[in-house]
């Protein structure tokens, strides 16, 4: 995976190729996703960007997120309750493990996912073009300090 500055420049170049405006607010929104390992939601990014750019609207964040999703530069993670969070570090299908108590989202390292997907494709005859694997449970911190 490219370093954040390299990735930032790559995404900015792709935005320019699409004739998109490169505003300080748009860069701040993009960096909020690229610099985070927390899989932030739109509201979290909005609050973060507003600390530097108080006039930034929530609509600007939503529009930028939609653009980045369309470009394949961030991955949307949907939750059963309708909540959405985003992964800017790994904008491609990969598994997530989610704590049902505190909401932490992690990217587990596993080499078995590709094997599992290939086996499922073979067994069903499907050509798998994308996937979402979510494991729900209780993180070590919440296990130590139950609610």
C-alpha atoms as a PDB file:
ATOM      1  CA  UNK A   1       0.000   0.000   0.000  1.00  0.00           C
ATOM      2  CA  UNK A   2       1.289   3.484  -0.841  1.00  0.00           C
ATOM      3  CA  UNK A   3       2.256   5.871   1.906  1.00  0.00           C
ATOM      4  CA  UNK A   4      -0.345   8.492   2.801  1.00  0.00           C
ATOM      5  CA  UNK A   5       1.468  11.402   1.036  1.00  0.00           C
ATOM      6  CA  UNK A   6       1.865   9.290  -2.130  1.00  0.00           C
ATOM      7  CA  UNK A   7      -1.750   8.195  -1.938  1.00  0.00           C
ATOM      8  CA  UNK A   8      -2.908  11.759  -1.313  1.00  0.00           C
ATOM      9  CA  UNK A   9      -1.066  12.958  -4.419  1.00  0.00           C
ATOM     10  CA  UNK A  10      -2.471  10.062  -6.456  1.00  0.00           C
ATOM     11  CA  UNK A  11      -6.052  10.895  -5.472  1.00  0.00           C
ATOM     12  CA  UNK A  12      -5.537  14.616  -6.104  1.00  0.00           C
ATOM     13  CA  UNK A  13      -4.168  13.784  -9.559  1.00  0.00           C
ATOM     14  CA  UNK A  14      -7.234  11.610 -10.259  1.00  0.00           C
ATOM     15  CA  UNK A  15      -9.527  14.443  -9.115  1.00  0.00           C
ATOM     16  CA  UNK A  16      -7.738  16.862 -11.468  1.00  0.00           C
ATOM     17  CA  UNK A  17      -8.107  14.390 -14.338  1.00  0.00           C
ATOM     18  CA  UNK A  18     -11.861  14.506 -13.703  1.00  0.00           C
ATOM     19  CA  UNK A  19     -11.767  18.326 -13.697  1.00  0.00           C
ATOM     20  CA  UNK A  20     -12.793  18.479 -10.039  1.00  0.00           C
ATOM     21  CA  UNK A  21     -11.943  21.519  -7.972  1.00  0.00           C
ATOM     22  CA  UNK A  22      -9.118  20.919  -5.516  1.00  0.00           C
ATOM     23  CA  UNK A  23     -10.166  23.044  -2.564  1.00  0.00           C
ATOM     24  CA  UNK A  24      -8.519  23.099   0.869  1.00  0.00           C
ATOM     25  CA  UNK A  25     -11.768  21.701   2.306  1.00  0.00           C
ATOM     26  CA  UNK A  26     -11.819  18.807  -0.158  1.00  0.00           C
ATOM     27  CA  UNK A  27      -8.187  18.007   0.655  1.00  0.00           C
ATOM     28  CA  UNK A  28      -8.971  18.138   4.392  1.00  0.00           C
ATOM     29  CA  UNK A  29     -11.872  15.715   3.897  1.00  0.00           C
ATOM     30  CA  UNK A  30      -9.686  13.369   1.863  1.00  0.00           C
ATOM     31  CA  UNK A  31      -6.887  13.522   4.443  1.00  0.00           C
ATOM     32  CA  UNK A  32      -9.358  12.766   7.241  1.00  0.00           C
ATOM     33  CA  UNK A  33     -10.020   9.412   5.576  1.00  0.00           C
ATOM     34  CA  UNK A  34      -6.433   8.680   4.544  1.00  0.00           C
ATOM     35  CA  UNK A  35      -4.955   9.567   7.950  1.00  0.00           C
ATOM     36  CA  UNK A  36      -7.462   7.566  10.005  1.00  0.00           C
ATOM     37  CA  UNK A  37      -7.348   3.937  11.068  1.00  0.00           C
ATOM     38  CA  UNK A  38     -10.711   4.354  12.799  1.00  0.00           C
ATOM     39  CA  UNK A  39     -12.955   3.974   9.734  1.00  0.00           C
ATOM     40  CA  UNK A  40     -14.663   7.329  10.367  1.00  0.00           C
ATOM     41  CA  UNK A  41     -18.253   8.211   9.598  1.00  0.00           C
ATOM     42  CA  UNK A  42     -19.325  11.336   7.736  1.00  0.00           C
ATOM     43  CA  UNK A  43     -20.252  13.226  10.918  1.00  0.00           C
ATOM     44  CA  UNK A  44     -16.846  12.486  12.461  1.00  0.00           C
ATOM     45  CA  UNK A  45     -15.050  13.774   9.355  1.00  0.00           C
ATOM     46  CA  UNK A  46     -17.333  16.817   9.257  1.00  0.00           C
ATOM     47  CA  UNK A  47     -16.453  17.739  12.862  1.00  0.00           C
ATOM     48  CA  UNK A  48     -12.752  17.220  12.177  1.00  0.00           C
ATOM     49  CA  UNK A  49     -12.757  19.377   9.031  1.00  0.00           C
ATOM     50  CA  UNK A  50     -14.799  22.103  10.715  1.00  0.00           C
ATOM     51  CA  UNK A  51     -12.039  22.684  13.268  1.00  0.00           C
ATOM     52  CA  UNK A  52      -9.820  23.996  10.433  1.00  0.00           C
ATOM     53  CA  UNK A  53     -12.508  25.205   8.039  1.00  0.00           C
ATOM     54  CA  UNK A  54     -15.544  26.344  10.077  1.00  0.00           C
ATOM     55  CA  UNK A  55     -17.581  27.331   7.018  1.00  0.00           C
ATOM     56  CA  UNK A  56     -17.454  23.823   5.534  1.00  0.00           C
ATOM     57  CA  UNK A  57     -20.968  22.449   5.167  1.00  0.00           C
ATOM     58  CA  UNK A  58     -22.108  18.909   5.864  1.00  0.00           C
ATOM     59  CA  UNK A  59     -23.313  18.826   2.238  1.00  0.00           C
ATOM     60  CA  UNK A  60     -19.723  19.413   1.080  1.00  0.00           C
ATOM     61  CA  UNK A  61     -18.588  16.387   3.073  1.00  0.00           C
ATOM     62  CA  UNK A  62     -21.417  14.239   1.680  1.00  0.00           C
ATOM     63  CA  UNK A  63     -20.656  15.314  -1.905  1.00  0.00           C
ATOM     64  CA  UNK A  64     -16.944  14.649  -1.481  1.00  0.00           C
ATOM     65  CA  UNK A  65     -17.615  11.236   0.067  1.00  0.00           C
ATOM     66  CA  UNK A  66     -19.915  10.333  -2.845  1.00  0.00           C
ATOM     67  CA  UNK A  67     -17.224  11.396  -5.320  1.00  0.00           C
ATOM     68  CA  UNK A  68     -14.460   9.469  -3.530  1.00  0.00           C
ATOM     69  CA  UNK A  69     -16.672   6.361  -3.335  1.00  0.00           C
ATOM     70  CA  UNK A  70     -17.495   6.602  -7.037  1.00  0.00           C
ATOM     71  CA  UNK A  71     -13.785   6.885  -7.817  1.00  0.00           C
ATOM     72  CA  UNK A  72     -13.014   3.833  -5.677  1.00  0.00           C
ATOM     73  CA  UNK A  73     -10.807   5.839  -3.316  1.00  0.00           C
ATOM     74  CA  UNK A  74     -12.764   5.053  -0.150  1.00  0.00           C
ATOM     75  CA  UNK A  75     -14.700   1.954   0.803  1.00  0.00           C
ATOM     76  CA  UNK A  76     -18.119   2.255   2.429  1.00  0.00           C
ATOM     77  CA  UNK A  77     -18.774  -0.089   5.321  1.00  0.00           C
ATOM     78  CA  UNK A  78     -22.492  -0.551   5.937  1.00  0.00           C
ATOM     79  CA  UNK A  79     -23.816  -1.662   9.304  1.00  0.00           C
ATOM     80  CA  UNK A  80     -27.075  -3.548   9.948  1.00  0.00           C
ATOM     81  CA  UNK A  81     -28.452  -0.505  11.811  1.00  0.00           C
ATOM     82  CA  UNK A  82     -27.984   1.682   8.711  1.00  0.00           C
ATOM     83  CA  UNK A  83     -24.850   3.433   9.982  1.00  0.00           C
ATOM     84  CA  UNK A  84     -22.074   3.938   7.424  1.00  0.00           C
ATOM     85  CA  UNK A  85     -18.367   4.334   7.991  1.00  0.00           C
ATOM     86  CA  UNK A  86     -15.543   4.536   5.505  1.00  0.00           C
ATOM     87  CA  UNK A  87     -12.106   3.062   4.924  1.00  0.00           C
ATOM     88  CA  UNK A  88      -9.651   5.321   3.134  1.00  0.00           C
ATOM     89  CA  UNK A  89      -6.618   3.152   3.779  1.00  0.00           C
ATOM     90  CA  UNK A  90      -7.861   0.015   2.069  1.00  0.00           C
ATOM     91  CA  UNK A  91     -10.435   1.138  -0.511  1.00  0.00           C
ATOM     92  CA  UNK A  92     -10.937  -2.394  -1.781  1.00  0.00           C
ATOM     93  CA  UNK A  93     -13.034  -5.293  -0.456  1.00  0.00           C
ATOM     94  CA  UNK A  94     -11.541  -6.831   2.686  1.00  0.00           C
ATOM     95  CA  UNK A  95     -12.894  -8.174   5.977  1.00  0.00           C
ATOM     96  CA  UNK A  96     -13.704  -6.022   8.999  1.00  0.00           C
ATOM     97  CA  UNK A  97     -14.157  -7.071  12.599  1.00  0.00           C
ATOM     98  CA  UNK A  98     -16.530  -4.815  14.526  1.00  0.00           C
ATOM     99  CA  UNK A  99     -17.137  -4.503  18.265  1.00  0.00           C
ATOM    100  CA  UNK A 100     -20.871  -4.488  18.895  1.00  0.00           C
ATOM    101  CA  UNK A 101     -20.361  -2.543  22.133  1.00  0.00           C
ATOM    102  CA  UNK A 102     -17.912   0.301  21.453  1.00  0.00           C
ATOM    103  CA  UNK A 103     -18.081   0.321  17.631  1.00  0.00           C
ATOM    104  CA  UNK A 104     -14.368  -0.094  16.968  1.00  0.00           C
ATOM    105  CA  UNK A 105     -13.683  -1.385  13.446  1.00  0.00           C
ATOM    106  CA  UNK A 106     -10.468  -3.221  12.630  1.00  0.00           C
ATOM    107  CA  UNK A 107      -8.952  -4.674   9.476  1.00  0.00           C
ATOM    108  CA  UNK A 108      -7.834  -8.174  10.473  1.00  0.00           C
ATOM    109  CA  UNK A 109      -4.819  -9.589   8.692  1.00  0.00           C
ATOM    110  CA  UNK A 110      -5.789 -12.831   7.031  1.00  0.00           C
ATOM    111  CA  UNK A 111      -4.556 -14.750   4.062  1.00  0.00           C
ATOM    112  CA  UNK A 112      -7.567 -17.068   3.925  1.00  0.00           C
ATOM    113  CA  UNK A 113     -10.180 -14.666   2.509  1.00  0.00           C
ATOM    114  CA  UNK A 114      -9.184 -15.156  -1.127  1.00  0.00           C
ATOM    115  CA  UNK A 115      -9.293 -18.930  -0.661  1.00  0.00           C
ATOM    116  CA  UNK A 116     -12.743 -18.721   0.965  1.00  0.00           C
ATOM    117  CA  UNK A 117     -14.105 -16.497  -1.843  1.00  0.00           C
ATOM    118  CA  UNK A 118     -12.675 -18.789  -4.537  1.00  0.00           C
ATOM    119  CA  UNK A 119     -14.256 -21.809  -2.824  1.00  0.00           C
ATOM    120  CA  UNK A 120     -17.643 -20.077  -2.601  1.00  0.00           C
ATOM    121  CA  UNK A 121     -17.421 -19.055  -6.262  1.00  0.00           C
ATOM    122  CA  UNK A 122     -16.542 -22.607  -7.283  1.00  0.00           C
ATOM    123  CA  UNK A 123     -19.392 -24.071  -5.213  1.00  0.00           C
ATOM    124  CA  UNK A 124     -22.028 -21.651  -6.516  1.00  0.00           C
ATOM    125  CA  UNK A 125     -20.866 -20.947 -10.069  1.00  0.00           C
ATOM    126  CA  UNK A 126     -20.860 -17.211  -9.340  1.00  0.00           C
ATOM    127  CA  UNK A 127     -18.203 -14.848 -10.609  1.00  0.00           C
ATOM    128  CA  UNK A 128     -17.542 -12.836  -7.443  1.00  0.00           C
ATOM    129  CA  UNK A 129     -16.824  -9.187  -8.281  1.00  0.00           C
ATOM    130  CA  UNK A 130     -16.914  -7.751  -4.779  1.00  0.00           C
ATOM    131  CA  UNK A 131     -17.599  -8.763  -1.200  1.00  0.00           C
ATOM    132  CA  UNK A 132     -18.255  -7.500   2.307  1.00  0.00           C
ATOM    133  CA  UNK A 133     -17.182  -9.688   5.171  1.00  0.00           C
ATOM    134  CA  UNK A 134     -18.044  -8.386   8.621  1.00  0.00           C
ATOM    135  CA  UNK A 135     -17.347 -10.221  11.817  1.00  0.00           C
ATOM    136  CA  UNK A 136     -19.279  -8.866  14.786  1.00  0.00           C
ATOM    137  CA  UNK A 137     -18.244  -9.480  18.367  1.00  0.00           C
ATOM    138  CA  UNK A 138     -16.734  -7.953  21.485  1.00  0.00           C
ATOM    139  CA  UNK A 139     -13.280  -6.389  21.407  1.00  0.00           C
ATOM    140  CA  UNK A 140     -10.639  -7.205  24.062  1.00  0.00           C
ATOM    141  CA  UNK A 141     -11.136  -3.812  25.747  1.00  0.00           C
ATOM    142  CA  UNK A 142     -14.891  -4.341  26.156  1.00  0.00           C
ATOM    143  CA  UNK A 143     -14.322  -7.890  27.361  1.00  0.00           C
ATOM    144  CA  UNK A 144     -12.112  -6.526  30.154  1.00  0.00           C
ATOM    145  CA  UNK A 145     -14.524  -3.721  31.039  1.00  0.00           C
ATOM    146  CA  UNK A 146     -18.064  -4.995  30.342  1.00  0.00           C
ATOM    147  CA  UNK A 147     -20.839  -2.463  29.969  1.00  0.00           C
END
